[in-house]
Amino acid sequence: MNCTECDAGLSVPTDAMKGEIISCKDCGTSYELMRDEGSGQFSIRPAELEEEDWGE
């Protein structure tokens, strides 16, 4: 699978788990790994980044 931002190839570790965060080695975009229950294949979606609240 490829990065949606820069189209670089993404490496998924062989021991990857659903919900794990991976990053593109070229542009640094973060993705969350999703696993299809039927096929067992991984897909990606943009990772949700939590921002600091700073008490607001």
C-alpha atoms as a PDB file:
ATOM      1  CA  MET A   1       0.000   0.000   0.000  1.00  0.00           C
ATOM      2  CA  ASN A   2       1.100   3.583  -0.616  1.00  0.00           C
ATOM      3  CA  CYS A   3       1.018   6.858   1.296  1.00  0.00           C
ATOM      4  CA  THR A   4      -1.996   8.979   0.334  1.00  0.00           C
ATOM      5  CA  GLU A   5       0.074  12.181   0.626  1.00  0.00           C
ATOM      6  CA  CYS A   6       3.266  11.423  -1.330  1.00  0.00           C
ATOM      7  CA  ASP A   7       2.577   7.975  -2.874  1.00  0.00           C
ATOM      8  CA  ALA A   8       5.655   6.387  -1.253  1.00  0.00           C
ATOM      9  CA  GLY A   9       5.428   2.709  -0.355  1.00  0.00           C
ATOM     10  CA  LEU A  10       4.485   2.016   3.265  1.00  0.00           C
ATOM     11  CA  SER A  11       6.085  -0.847   5.165  1.00  0.00           C
ATOM     12  CA  VAL A  12       3.823  -2.830   7.439  1.00  0.00           C
ATOM     13  CA  PRO A  13       5.752  -4.894  10.020  1.00  0.00           C
ATOM     14  CA  THR A  14       5.152  -8.650   9.859  1.00  0.00           C
ATOM     15  CA  ASP A  15       3.964  -8.607  13.489  1.00  0.00           C
ATOM     16  CA  ALA A  16       1.650  -5.588  13.011  1.00  0.00           C
ATOM     17  CA  MET A  17      -1.633  -5.430  14.910  1.00  0.00           C
ATOM     18  CA  LYS A  18      -4.944  -3.675  14.260  1.00  0.00           C
ATOM     19  CA  GLY A  19      -4.842  -0.103  15.592  1.00  0.00           C
ATOM     20  CA  GLU A  20      -1.056   0.214  15.342  1.00  0.00           C
ATOM     21  CA  ILE A  21       0.264   3.528  14.020  1.00  0.00           C
ATOM     22  CA  ILE A  22       2.744   3.536  11.138  1.00  0.00           C
ATOM     23  CA  SER A  23       4.393   6.540   9.501  1.00  0.00           C
ATOM     24  CA  CYS A  24       5.508   7.249   5.966  1.00  0.00           C
ATOM     25  CA  LYS A  25       9.312   7.220   5.775  1.00  0.00           C
ATOM     26  CA  ASP A  26       9.289  10.001   3.150  1.00  0.00           C
ATOM     27  CA  CYS A  27       6.778  12.614   4.378  1.00  0.00           C
ATOM     28  CA  GLY A  28       6.045  11.528   7.969  1.00  0.00           C
ATOM     29  CA  THR A  29       2.261  11.203   7.592  1.00  0.00           C
ATOM     30  CA  SER A  30       0.846   8.851  10.254  1.00  0.00           C
ATOM     31  CA  TYR A  31      -1.678   6.102   9.545  1.00  0.00           C
ATOM     32  CA  GLU A  32      -3.664   3.707  11.704  1.00  0.00           C
ATOM     33  CA  LEU A  33      -3.718   0.087  10.551  1.00  0.00           C
ATOM     34  CA  MET A  34      -7.154  -1.430  10.067  1.00  0.00           C
ATOM     35  CA  ARG A  35      -7.687  -5.156   9.459  1.00  0.00           C
ATOM     36  CA  ASP A  36     -10.491  -6.655   7.391  1.00  0.00           C
ATOM     37  CA  GLU A  37     -11.951  -9.471   9.487  1.00  0.00           C
ATOM     38  CA  GLY A  38     -12.865 -11.577   6.453  1.00  0.00           C
ATOM     39  CA  SER A  39      -9.647 -11.472   4.454  1.00  0.00           C
ATOM     40  CA  GLY A  40      -7.195 -10.551   7.226  1.00  0.00           C
ATOM     41  CA  GLN A  41      -5.682  -7.901   4.933  1.00  0.00           C
ATOM     42  CA  PHE A  42      -4.570  -4.546   6.324  1.00  0.00           C
ATOM     43  CA  SER A  43      -5.815  -1.186   5.135  1.00  0.00           C
ATOM     44  CA  ILE A  44      -4.896   2.274   6.388  1.00  0.00           C
ATOM     45  CA  ARG A  45      -6.686   5.394   7.500  1.00  0.00           C
ATOM     46  CA  PRO A  46      -5.215   8.721   8.577  1.00  0.00           C
ATOM     47  CA  ALA A  47      -4.271   8.592  12.257  1.00  0.00           C
ATOM     48  CA  GLU A  48      -6.214  10.903  14.534  1.00  0.00           C
ATOM     49  CA  LEU A  49      -3.754  13.152  16.300  1.00  0.00           C
ATOM     50  CA  GLU A  50      -4.657  14.303  19.784  1.00  0.00           C
ATOM     51  CA  GLU A  51      -3.850  17.929  20.404  1.00  0.00           C
ATOM     52  CA  GLU A  52      -3.056  19.403  23.783  1.00  0.00           C
ATOM     53  CA  ASP A  53      -5.874  21.236  25.517  1.00  0.00           C
ATOM     54  CA  TRP A  54      -3.814  23.719  27.554  1.00  0.00           C
ATOM     55  CA  GLY A  55      -6.771  24.143  29.936  1.00  0.00           C
ATOM     56  CA  GLU A  56      -9.089  25.872  27.499  1.00  0.00           C
END
